[in-house]
Protein backbone atom coordinates (compact mmCIF):
# COMPACT_ATOMS: atom_id res chain seq x y z
CA MET A 1 0.00 0.00 0.00
CA LYS A 2 1.27 3.47 -0.86
CA PHE A 3 -0.55 6.79 -0.67
CA THR A 4 0.05 10.51 -0.25
CA ILE A 5 -2.17 12.76 1.84
CA VAL A 6 -2.20 16.36 3.10
CA ARG A 7 -0.95 16.35 6.70
CA SER A 8 -3.81 18.50 8.09
CA GLN A 9 -6.44 16.19 6.56
CA PHE A 10 -4.64 13.11 7.88
CA ILE A 11 -4.46 14.66 11.36
CA GLU A 12 -8.14 15.62 11.29
CA GLY A 13 -9.18 12.09 10.37
CA LEU A 14 -6.97 10.44 13.00
CA LYS A 15 -8.14 12.90 15.65
CA SER A 16 -11.77 12.04 15.01
CA VAL A 17 -11.30 8.28 15.42
CA GLN A 18 -8.63 7.92 18.11
CA ASN A 19 -10.71 8.79 21.19
CA ILE A 20 -12.27 5.34 21.56
CA VAL A 21 -8.96 3.48 21.32
CA GLY A 22 -8.18 1.56 24.50
CA ALA A 23 -5.25 2.18 26.78
CA LYS A 24 -2.16 0.04 26.67
CA GLY A 25 -2.93 -3.42 27.94
CA SER A 26 -5.92 -3.99 25.68
CA LEU A 27 -5.59 -6.16 22.59
CA ALA A 28 -2.91 -4.76 20.29
CA ILE A 29 -5.25 -4.68 17.30
CA LEU A 30 -7.71 -2.50 19.29
CA GLN A 31 -4.99 0.13 19.70
CA ASN A 32 -4.66 0.39 15.93
CA VAL A 33 -6.40 2.36 13.22
CA LEU A 34 -7.38 0.47 10.08
CA LEU A 35 -6.13 2.36 7.02
CA GLU A 36 -7.66 1.52 3.63
CA ALA A 37 -6.33 3.42 0.61
CA ASN A 38 -8.11 3.15 -2.73
CA GLY A 39 -8.34 5.70 -5.54
CA ASP A 40 -8.67 9.17 -4.07
CA GLU A 41 -9.94 8.07 -0.65
CA LEU A 42 -8.31 6.96 2.59
CA LYS A 43 -10.66 5.29 5.05
CA MET A 44 -9.73 5.31 8.75
CA THR A 45 -11.48 3.02 11.26
CA THR A 46 -11.05 2.31 14.98
CA THR A 47 -13.03 0.12 17.38
CA ASP A 48 -13.15 -0.99 21.01
CA LEU A 49 -15.64 -3.76 20.04
CA ASP A 50 -18.53 -1.81 21.61
CA ILE A 51 -18.10 1.34 19.50
CA SER A 52 -16.57 1.72 16.04
CA ILE A 53 -15.82 4.96 14.19
CA LYS A 54 -15.09 5.28 10.49
CA THR A 55 -14.11 8.41 8.59
CA SER A 56 -12.37 9.23 5.31
CA ALA A 57 -10.12 11.83 3.73
CA LYS A 58 -8.90 12.68 0.24
CA CYS A 59 -5.60 11.13 -0.80
CA GLU A 60 -3.64 10.05 -3.86
CA THR A 61 -3.21 6.31 -3.98
CA GLU A 62 -0.24 4.87 -5.85
CA GLU A 63 -0.85 1.32 -4.62
CA SER A 64 -4.19 0.26 -3.14
CA GLY A 65 -4.20 -1.73 0.06
CA ALA A 66 -4.96 -1.84 3.76
CA THR A 67 -3.18 -2.25 7.07
CA SER A 68 -3.58 -1.24 10.70
CA LEU A 69 -1.10 0.96 12.58
CA PRO A 70 -0.91 2.09 16.22
CA VAL A 71 -3.19 5.12 16.12
CA LYS A 72 -1.74 7.10 19.04
CA LEU A 73 1.82 6.65 17.74
CA LEU A 74 0.74 7.52 14.22
CA PHE A 75 -1.17 10.62 15.32
CA ASN A 76 1.66 11.88 17.54
CA SER A 77 4.20 11.35 14.77
CA ILE A 78 2.22 13.20 12.10
CA ASN A 79 1.19 15.88 14.57
CA LYS A 80 4.87 16.75 15.18
CA ALA A 81 5.66 17.01 11.47
CA ALA A 82 5.59 20.20 9.40
CA GLU A 83 2.54 20.99 7.27
CA GLY A 84 2.69 19.55 3.78
CA LEU A 85 2.29 16.19 2.10
CA VAL A 86 2.64 12.93 4.01
CA GLU A 87 3.69 9.77 2.14
CA VAL A 88 2.85 6.41 3.65
CA GLU A 89 4.22 3.16 2.25
CA VAL A 90 3.51 -0.25 3.77
CA GLY A 91 5.20 -3.47 2.72
CA GLU A 92 3.88 -7.01 2.83
CA ASP A 93 5.48 -7.40 6.26
CA GLU A 94 3.16 -4.64 7.60
CA LYS A 95 6.13 -2.35 8.23
CA ALA A 96 5.24 1.25 7.42
CA SER A 97 7.59 3.97 6.22
CA ILE A 98 6.21 7.47 6.65
CA THR A 99 7.71 10.62 5.17
CA ALA A 100 6.45 14.02 6.32
CA GLY A 101 8.61 16.92 5.17
CA SER A 102 12.10 16.33 6.54
CA ALA A 103 10.84 13.80 9.10
CA ARG A 104 10.95 10.02 8.65
CA PHE A 105 9.05 7.54 10.77
CA ARG A 106 8.91 3.76 10.79
CA MET A 107 6.39 1.62 12.61
CA THR A 108 5.08 -1.92 12.49
CA GLY A 109 1.42 -2.63 12.00
CA LEU A 110 -0.90 -5.61 12.06
CA PRO A 111 -2.62 -7.13 9.02
CA GLU A 112 -5.99 -5.86 7.89
CA LYS A 113 -7.48 -9.36 8.15
CA ASP A 114 -7.00 -9.30 11.94
CA PHE A 115 -8.99 -6.09 12.39
CA PRO A 116 -12.53 -6.66 13.75
CA ARG A 117 -15.24 -6.43 11.12
CA LEU A 118 -17.66 -3.55 11.28
CA PRO A 119 -21.34 -4.31 11.97
CA GLN A 120 -23.70 -4.68 9.02
CA ASP A 121 -26.85 -2.58 8.60
CA GLU A 122 -29.14 -5.41 7.53
CA ASP A 123 -32.81 -5.16 8.57
CA ALA A 124 -32.28 -1.77 10.19
CA TYR A 125 -34.91 0.87 10.89
CA THR A 126 -33.68 4.12 9.34
CA TYR A 127 -34.43 7.61 10.62
CA GLU A 128 -33.15 10.94 9.31
CA ILE A 129 -32.79 14.14 11.30
CA GLU A 130 -30.73 17.32 11.17
CA GLY A 131 -27.34 16.87 12.79
CA GLN A 132 -27.59 20.12 14.72
CA THR A 133 -30.92 18.96 16.14
CA ILE A 134 -29.35 15.76 17.49
CA LYS A 135 -26.44 17.72 18.93
CA GLU A 136 -28.74 20.24 20.64
CA MET A 137 -30.97 17.50 22.06
CA LEU A 138 -27.92 15.76 23.54
CA ARG A 139 -26.64 19.08 24.92
CA LYS A 140 -29.93 19.60 26.71
CA THR A 141 -30.07 16.11 28.27
CA ALA A 142 -26.78 14.18 28.46
CA TYR A 143 -25.45 16.09 31.50
CA ALA A 144 -28.23 14.56 33.63
CA ALA A 145 -27.13 10.96 33.00
CA SER A 146 -25.70 9.03 35.93
CA GLN A 147 -21.94 8.86 36.56
CA ASP A 148 -22.36 5.86 38.86
CA ASP A 149 -21.01 2.61 37.40
CA THR A 150 -23.40 0.60 39.56
CA ARG A 151 -26.38 2.16 37.75
CA ARG A 152 -25.38 1.02 34.29
CA THR A 153 -28.58 1.80 32.38
CA LEU A 154 -28.83 5.31 33.82
CA LYS A 155 -25.39 6.11 32.40
CA GLY A 156 -26.98 6.03 28.96
CA VAL A 157 -29.37 8.36 27.15
CA LEU A 158 -32.79 7.09 26.11
CA MET A 159 -33.82 7.79 22.52
CA SER A 160 -37.51 7.06 22.06
CA PHE A 161 -38.93 7.06 18.53
CA LYS A 162 -42.67 7.14 19.12
CA GLU A 163 -45.77 9.09 18.07
CA GLN A 164 -43.93 10.87 15.25
CA LYS A 165 -41.36 12.42 17.54
CA LEU A 166 -37.95 11.71 19.00
CA THR A 167 -37.81 11.98 22.79
CA MET A 168 -34.43 12.05 24.54
CA VAL A 169 -34.21 11.43 28.28
CA ALA A 170 -31.34 11.29 30.77
CA THR A 171 -31.58 10.81 34.53
CA ASP A 172 -29.40 9.87 37.48
CA GLY A 173 -32.30 9.25 39.86
CA ARG A 174 -32.05 12.72 41.44
CA ARG A 175 -32.81 14.75 38.34
CA LEU A 176 -34.21 14.18 34.87
CA ALA A 177 -33.81 16.08 31.59
CA LEU A 178 -36.20 15.53 28.68
CA VAL A 179 -36.44 17.11 25.24
CA GLU A 180 -38.65 16.30 22.23
CA LYS A 181 -38.54 16.94 18.50
CA GLU A 182 -41.18 16.10 15.92
CA MET A 183 -40.00 13.89 13.07
CA GLU A 184 -41.53 11.52 10.53
CA PHE A 185 -41.05 7.75 10.47
CA PRO A 186 -43.26 4.71 9.78
CA ALA A 187 -45.44 3.39 12.60
CA ASP A 188 -43.61 0.05 12.53
CA ALA A 189 -40.34 1.89 13.28
CA GLU A 190 -41.46 2.94 16.76
CA ARG A 191 -39.00 1.79 19.40
CA ASP A 192 -36.82 2.79 22.36
CA ILE A 193 -33.04 2.51 22.44
CA VAL A 194 -30.53 3.34 25.18
CA LEU A 195 -27.34 4.87 23.86
CA PRO A 196 -24.21 4.23 26.00
CA SER A 197 -22.41 7.26 27.43
CA LYS A 198 -19.30 6.68 25.35
CA ALA A 199 -21.36 6.71 22.16
CA VAL A 200 -23.05 9.93 23.32
CA GLN A 201 -19.66 11.59 23.79
CA GLU A 202 -18.41 10.52 20.37
CA LEU A 203 -21.62 11.61 18.68
CA GLN A 204 -21.35 15.06 20.26
CA ARG A 205 -17.78 15.32 18.98
CA ALA A 206 -18.64 14.07 15.49
CA ILE A 207 -21.46 16.49 14.71
CA ASN A 208 -19.81 19.83 14.02
CA GLY A 209 -21.56 21.19 10.94
CA GLU A 210 -24.79 21.39 9.00
CA GLY A 211 -26.41 18.42 7.30
CA LYS A 212 -28.55 15.46 8.15
CA VAL A 213 -27.71 12.41 10.23
CA LYS A 214 -28.96 8.98 9.22
CA ILE A 215 -29.75 6.78 12.21
CA ARG A 216 -29.96 3.05 11.58
CA VAL A 217 -31.31 0.96 14.45
CA GLN A 218 -31.16 -2.80 14.77
CA LYS A 219 -31.95 -5.11 17.66
CA SER A 220 -28.64 -4.68 19.49
CA GLN A 221 -26.83 -1.88 17.68
CA VAL A 222 -27.22 1.57 16.16
CA SER A 223 -25.23 3.58 13.64
CA PHE A 224 -25.09 7.32 13.02
CA GLU A 225 -23.93 8.51 9.60
CA THR A 226 -22.89 12.11 8.96
CA ALA A 227 -21.43 13.54 5.76
CA ASN A 228 -17.91 12.35 6.60
CA MET A 229 -18.21 9.93 9.49
CA ARG A 230 -19.97 6.77 10.63
CA ILE A 231 -20.33 5.79 14.29
CA TYR A 232 -21.45 2.28 15.22
CA SER A 233 -22.44 1.43 18.78
CA LYS A 234 -23.84 -1.52 20.67
CA LEU A 235 -27.04 -0.66 22.50
CA MET A 236 -27.57 -1.11 26.20
CA ASP A 237 -29.79 -4.15 26.64
CA ASP A 238 -31.32 -3.22 30.01
CA ALA A 239 -34.79 -1.66 29.98
CA TYR A 240 -34.81 2.06 30.76
CA PRO A 241 -36.80 3.00 33.89
CA ASN A 242 -40.31 4.41 33.56
CA TYR A 243 -39.32 8.06 33.58
CA VAL A 244 -42.88 9.34 33.10
CA GLN A 245 -43.85 8.45 36.67
CA VAL A 246 -41.31 10.88 38.18
CA ILE A 247 -42.62 13.89 36.24
CA PRO A 248 -45.11 15.82 38.41
CA ARG A 249 -48.55 15.84 36.86
CA SER A 250 -49.21 19.37 38.08
CA CYS A 251 -47.63 22.09 40.18
CA LYS A 252 -49.44 24.76 42.21
CA GLU A 253 -46.95 27.56 41.68
CA SER A 254 -45.26 28.87 38.53
CA ILE A 255 -42.37 31.35 38.68
CA THR A 256 -40.88 33.20 35.70
CA VAL A 257 -37.25 34.27 36.03
CA ASP A 258 -34.49 35.66 33.83
CA ARG A 259 -32.29 32.67 33.03
CA GLN A 260 -28.95 34.51 33.05
CA LEU A 261 -29.70 36.45 36.24
CA LEU A 262 -30.57 33.23 38.05
CA LEU A 263 -27.49 31.47 36.68
CA ASP A 264 -25.25 34.33 37.80
CA ALA A 265 -26.78 34.36 41.28
CA LEU A 266 -26.34 30.61 41.68
CA GLU A 267 -22.71 30.81 40.58
CA ARG A 268 -22.00 33.56 43.10
CA ALA A 269 -23.76 31.80 45.95
CA SER A 270 -22.27 28.39 45.17
CA VAL A 271 -18.79 29.76 45.87
CA MET A 272 -19.70 29.34 49.55
CA THR A 273 -20.29 25.58 49.32
CA MET A 274 -18.12 22.56 50.01
CA ASP A 275 -18.19 18.96 48.84
CA GLU A 276 -19.67 17.77 52.11
CA ALA A 277 -22.22 20.60 52.14
CA HIS A 278 -22.87 21.29 48.47
CA SER A 279 -26.29 22.88 48.82
CA THR A 280 -27.96 26.18 48.05
CA LYS A 281 -31.29 27.42 49.38
CA LEU A 282 -33.76 29.17 47.10
CA ILE A 283 -36.38 31.31 48.84
CA PHE A 284 -39.30 32.32 46.61
CA GLU A 285 -41.34 35.30 47.84
CA ASP A 286 -43.48 38.02 46.30
CA ASN A 287 -41.59 38.94 43.09
CA ARG A 288 -38.25 38.12 44.72
CA LEU A 289 -35.95 35.11 44.81
CA THR A 290 -33.17 34.94 47.39
CA VAL A 291 -30.34 32.53 46.66
CA THR A 292 -28.20 31.67 49.68
CA SER A 293 -25.42 29.25 50.65
CA ALA A 294 -23.61 28.78 53.95
CA VAL A 295 -20.89 26.58 55.42
CA ASN A 296 -20.76 26.24 59.20
CA ASP A 297 -17.91 28.16 60.84
CA ILE A 298 -16.66 29.42 57.46
CA GLY A 299 -19.08 31.88 55.93
CA SER A 300 -22.16 32.51 53.80
CA ALA A 301 -23.23 34.11 50.53
CA SER A 302 -26.54 35.40 49.23
CA ASP A 303 -27.96 37.17 46.20
CA GLU A 304 -31.37 38.35 45.05
CA VAL A 305 -33.08 37.94 41.69
CA PRO A 306 -36.32 39.65 40.57
CA ILE A 307 -39.02 37.15 39.57
CA LYS A 308 -42.63 37.10 38.46
CA TYR A 309 -44.38 35.40 41.37
CA ALA A 310 -47.24 36.26 43.71
CA GLY A 311 -47.72 33.04 45.67
CA ASP A 312 -46.86 31.85 49.17
CA LYS A 313 -43.29 31.84 50.43
CA ILE A 314 -41.43 28.66 49.46
CA GLU A 315 -38.02 27.60 50.71
CA ILE A 316 -36.30 24.76 48.87
CA MET A 317 -32.76 23.38 48.91
CA PHE A 318 -30.87 22.10 45.83
CA ASN A 319 -27.43 21.07 44.75
CA PRO A 320 -26.57 24.32 42.91
CA ASN A 321 -24.80 22.50 40.07
CA TYR A 322 -27.98 20.58 39.36
CA VAL A 323 -29.86 23.85 38.88
CA MET A 324 -27.13 25.49 36.83
CA ASP A 325 -26.70 22.58 34.39
CA PRO A 326 -30.05 23.02 32.60
CA LEU A 327 -29.78 26.81 32.71
CA LYS A 328 -26.50 26.54 30.78
CA ALA A 329 -28.14 24.24 28.21
CA ILE A 330 -31.24 26.40 27.64
CA ASP A 331 -31.10 29.29 25.18
CA ASP A 332 -34.24 31.19 26.26
CA ASP A 333 -33.98 34.55 28.02
CA GLU A 334 -36.60 33.46 30.56
CA VAL A 335 -37.44 30.11 32.14
CA LYS A 336 -40.32 28.88 34.25
CA ILE A 337 -39.83 27.09 37.55
CA GLU A 338 -42.85 25.11 38.74
CA LEU A 339 -43.21 24.06 42.39
CA ASN A 340 -45.67 22.60 44.85
CA ASP A 341 -43.71 23.16 48.06
CA GLY A 342 -40.21 22.91 49.48
CA HIS A 343 -40.28 19.10 49.64
CA ALA A 344 -41.63 18.05 46.25
CA PRO A 345 -39.73 17.93 42.94
CA ALA A 346 -39.29 21.16 40.99
CA VAL A 347 -39.75 21.45 37.24
CA ILE A 348 -37.86 23.82 34.93
CA LYS A 349 -39.38 24.58 31.52
CA CYS A 350 -38.69 26.87 28.57
CA SER A 351 -40.28 27.75 25.22
CA ILE A 352 -39.31 24.47 23.47
CA PRO A 353 -40.57 20.96 24.36
CA PHE A 354 -38.07 20.60 27.22
CA LEU A 355 -38.44 19.91 30.91
CA TYR A 356 -36.11 19.27 33.78
CA VAL A 357 -37.22 17.59 37.00
CA LEU A 358 -35.09 18.09 40.12
CA MET A 359 -35.45 16.49 43.54
CA PRO A 360 -34.84 18.87 46.46
CA LEU A 361 -32.36 18.26 49.26
CA ARG A 362 -33.63 17.89 52.80
CA ILE A 363 -33.49 21.07 54.87
CA SER A 364 -32.03 20.35 58.30
């Protein structure tokens, strides 16, 4: 195999596929990138057996072929070279000679036949949606997924294709983020899938421009195809919890507040919190919200925010980060906070089909 490629395009392709590669100690072939040169295209593929990523770049192929090379070593080598053309030549012994400007590199690869095969898309349900829509939906939900390894299913993001809409949900048991988007698909394509956290991260990285994403769903896997990349992922096989039952059916009080003013106040007040006492009290009164935090024997902080509210006084305690996370993901100037009292879950809403449910902390 022998091909020539522009360094910046080679680097961009390697950068987009190397994140899923396992650390040293995993199978050698799983630390490699599969390179396939043919005509004017170089395909680059990596896998950790659960997730696979494939991308391509323009090249000039003198001799078609394929091999796999250590992706971290290859990326670091090319990344250190000067901008210009990179020539890669691989012999039958899988030994690669790489020329990049004045630099010369040699490395030994593994044969293409040893590289795990990519999944096939046979009998897949296919959906199509704007890439930016997927990215925004993940931005508004993924932060609420669990970080606890013992709650495996909650580490994923639910994608529910039902009733002519895509619903995304993430929860860690203490909070829940949900967003919906109308889309068209056949009635027999209705189904729920749980996307693993690693696939969510790679999908957020991969979508960086305009254009549609094709989603192909099978029984145990899903693939996402953008203009220049394909991500394959195994699906989580555990059933996602019934999230509907944790969403309050109604709330007595509704408060309207400027999103940025509330975010700023929470950030100022949360300075006076510690890991063992990471809590902030919100006091809702007539057209005024007081945000306060205190740590025993150290100090306190408070701030006030004007609100639109004329109900009874409500005091409620939250982890401030859990309130700030959705405010950072929402684009509206104003948000609504719905409450029943200081002990029941709160709901944050905005102008789009989005809601965020947050359990309060106990006030001692």
